[in-house]
Amino acid sequence: MSQLVEFTKDGKVVIPLHLWNQIKEVAEYLYLEELISQRGGSPGVVSLDQLIEEEGLTRDDLES
């Protein structure tokens, strides 16, 4: 069952919850994509070796 967006007499818009959730999901995706593209050329803050060490692993653990 498809619900349509409703416009009230005072100019407000009523959006069904399922449609609003889809809009939010798309907006979050676009926001994250913009952040990634802005920071794509910047150096990483943490190296892979630091992440491995923080997890208590070694590179040999990852390769096996």
C-alpha atoms as a PDB file:
ATOM      1  CA  MET A   1       0.000   0.000   0.000  1.00  0.00           C
ATOM      2  CA  SER A   2       1.557   3.270  -1.099  1.00  0.00           C
ATOM      3  CA  GLN A   3       0.945   6.440   0.871  1.00  0.00           C
ATOM      4  CA  LEU A   4       1.451   9.771  -0.799  1.00  0.00           C
ATOM      5  CA  VAL A   5       2.966  12.915   0.611  1.00  0.00           C
ATOM      6  CA  GLU A   6       0.273  15.259   1.878  1.00  0.00           C
ATOM      7  CA  PHE A   7       0.335  19.045   1.816  1.00  0.00           C
ATOM      8  CA  THR A   8      -1.612  20.863   4.519  1.00  0.00           C
ATOM      9  CA  LYS A   9      -3.406  24.173   4.124  1.00  0.00           C
ATOM     10  CA  ASP A  10      -0.768  25.974   6.188  1.00  0.00           C
ATOM     11  CA  GLY A  11       2.011  24.898   3.787  1.00  0.00           C
ATOM     12  CA  LYS A  12       3.408  22.022   5.826  1.00  0.00           C
ATOM     13  CA  VAL A  13       4.208  18.629   4.347  1.00  0.00           C
ATOM     14  CA  VAL A  14       3.243  15.291   5.879  1.00  0.00           C
ATOM     15  CA  ILE A  15       5.586  12.491   4.807  1.00  0.00           C
ATOM     16  CA  PRO A  16       4.809   8.840   5.632  1.00  0.00           C
ATOM     17  CA  LEU A  17       7.311   7.280   8.039  1.00  0.00           C
ATOM     18  CA  HIS A  18       8.574   4.612   5.595  1.00  0.00           C
ATOM     19  CA  LEU A  19       9.255   7.295   2.977  1.00  0.00           C
ATOM     20  CA  TRP A  20      10.964   9.548   5.539  1.00  0.00           C
ATOM     21  CA  ASN A  21      13.261   6.659   6.562  1.00  0.00           C
ATOM     22  CA  GLN A  22      14.228   6.116   2.916  1.00  0.00           C
ATOM     23  CA  ILE A  23      14.958   9.831   2.499  1.00  0.00           C
ATOM     24  CA  LYS A  24      17.167   9.805   5.610  1.00  0.00           C
ATOM     25  CA  GLU A  25      19.075   6.773   4.360  1.00  0.00           C
ATOM     26  CA  VAL A  26      19.823   8.443   1.017  1.00  0.00           C
ATOM     27  CA  ALA A  27      20.824  11.689   2.773  1.00  0.00           C
ATOM     28  CA  GLU A  28      23.228   9.803   5.079  1.00  0.00           C
ATOM     29  CA  TYR A  29      24.770   8.017   2.097  1.00  0.00           C
ATOM     30  CA  LEU A  30      25.279  11.307   0.225  1.00  0.00           C
ATOM     31  CA  TYR A  31      26.766  12.944   3.331  1.00  0.00           C
ATOM     32  CA  LEU A  32      29.252  10.107   3.828  1.00  0.00           C
ATOM     33  CA  GLU A  33      30.174  10.069   0.148  1.00  0.00           C
ATOM     34  CA  GLU A  34      30.931  13.802   0.303  1.00  0.00           C
ATOM     35  CA  LEU A  35      33.110  13.340   3.409  1.00  0.00           C
ATOM     36  CA  ILE A  36      35.020  10.519   1.740  1.00  0.00           C
ATOM     37  CA  SER A  37      35.619  12.538  -1.429  1.00  0.00           C
ATOM     38  CA  GLN A  38      36.818  15.561   0.582  1.00  0.00           C
ATOM     39  CA  ARG A  39      39.235  13.503   2.650  1.00  0.00           C
ATOM     40  CA  GLY A  40      40.300  11.107  -0.092  1.00  0.00           C
ATOM     41  CA  GLY A  41      43.680  12.733  -0.642  1.00  0.00           C
ATOM     42  CA  SER A  42      44.529  13.367   2.991  1.00  0.00           C
ATOM     43  CA  PRO A  43      46.886  11.081   4.868  1.00  0.00           C
ATOM     44  CA  GLY A  44      45.466   8.526   7.273  1.00  0.00           C
ATOM     45  CA  VAL A  45      45.476   9.285  10.973  1.00  0.00           C
ATOM     46  CA  VAL A  46      46.254   5.710  12.027  1.00  0.00           C
ATOM     47  CA  SER A  47      48.434   3.257  10.144  1.00  0.00           C
ATOM     48  CA  LEU A  48      47.503  -0.346   9.481  1.00  0.00           C
ATOM     49  CA  ASP A  49      50.354  -1.465  11.752  1.00  0.00           C
ATOM     50  CA  GLN A  50      48.909   0.605  14.604  1.00  0.00           C
ATOM     51  CA  LEU A  51      45.463  -0.912  14.110  1.00  0.00           C
ATOM     52  CA  ILE A  52      46.903  -4.435  14.081  1.00  0.00           C
ATOM     53  CA  GLU A  53      48.881  -3.734  17.245  1.00  0.00           C
ATOM     54  CA  GLU A  54      45.835  -2.271  19.029  1.00  0.00           C
ATOM     55  CA  GLU A  55      43.934  -5.490  18.278  1.00  0.00           C
ATOM     56  CA  GLY A  56      46.758  -7.573  19.731  1.00  0.00           C
ATOM     57  CA  LEU A  57      47.586  -9.171  16.377  1.00  0.00           C
ATOM     58  CA  THR A  58      50.613  -9.449  14.131  1.00  0.00           C
ATOM     59  CA  ARG A  59      50.883  -9.439  10.353  1.00  0.00           C
ATOM     60  CA  ASP A  60      51.595 -13.196  10.531  1.00  0.00           C
ATOM     61  CA  ASP A  61      48.218 -13.660  12.259  1.00  0.00           C
ATOM     62  CA  LEU A  62      46.526 -11.909   9.356  1.00  0.00           C
ATOM     63  CA  GLU A  63      48.303 -13.955   6.709  1.00  0.00           C
ATOM     64  CA  SER A  64      47.417 -17.319   8.245  1.00  0.00           C
END
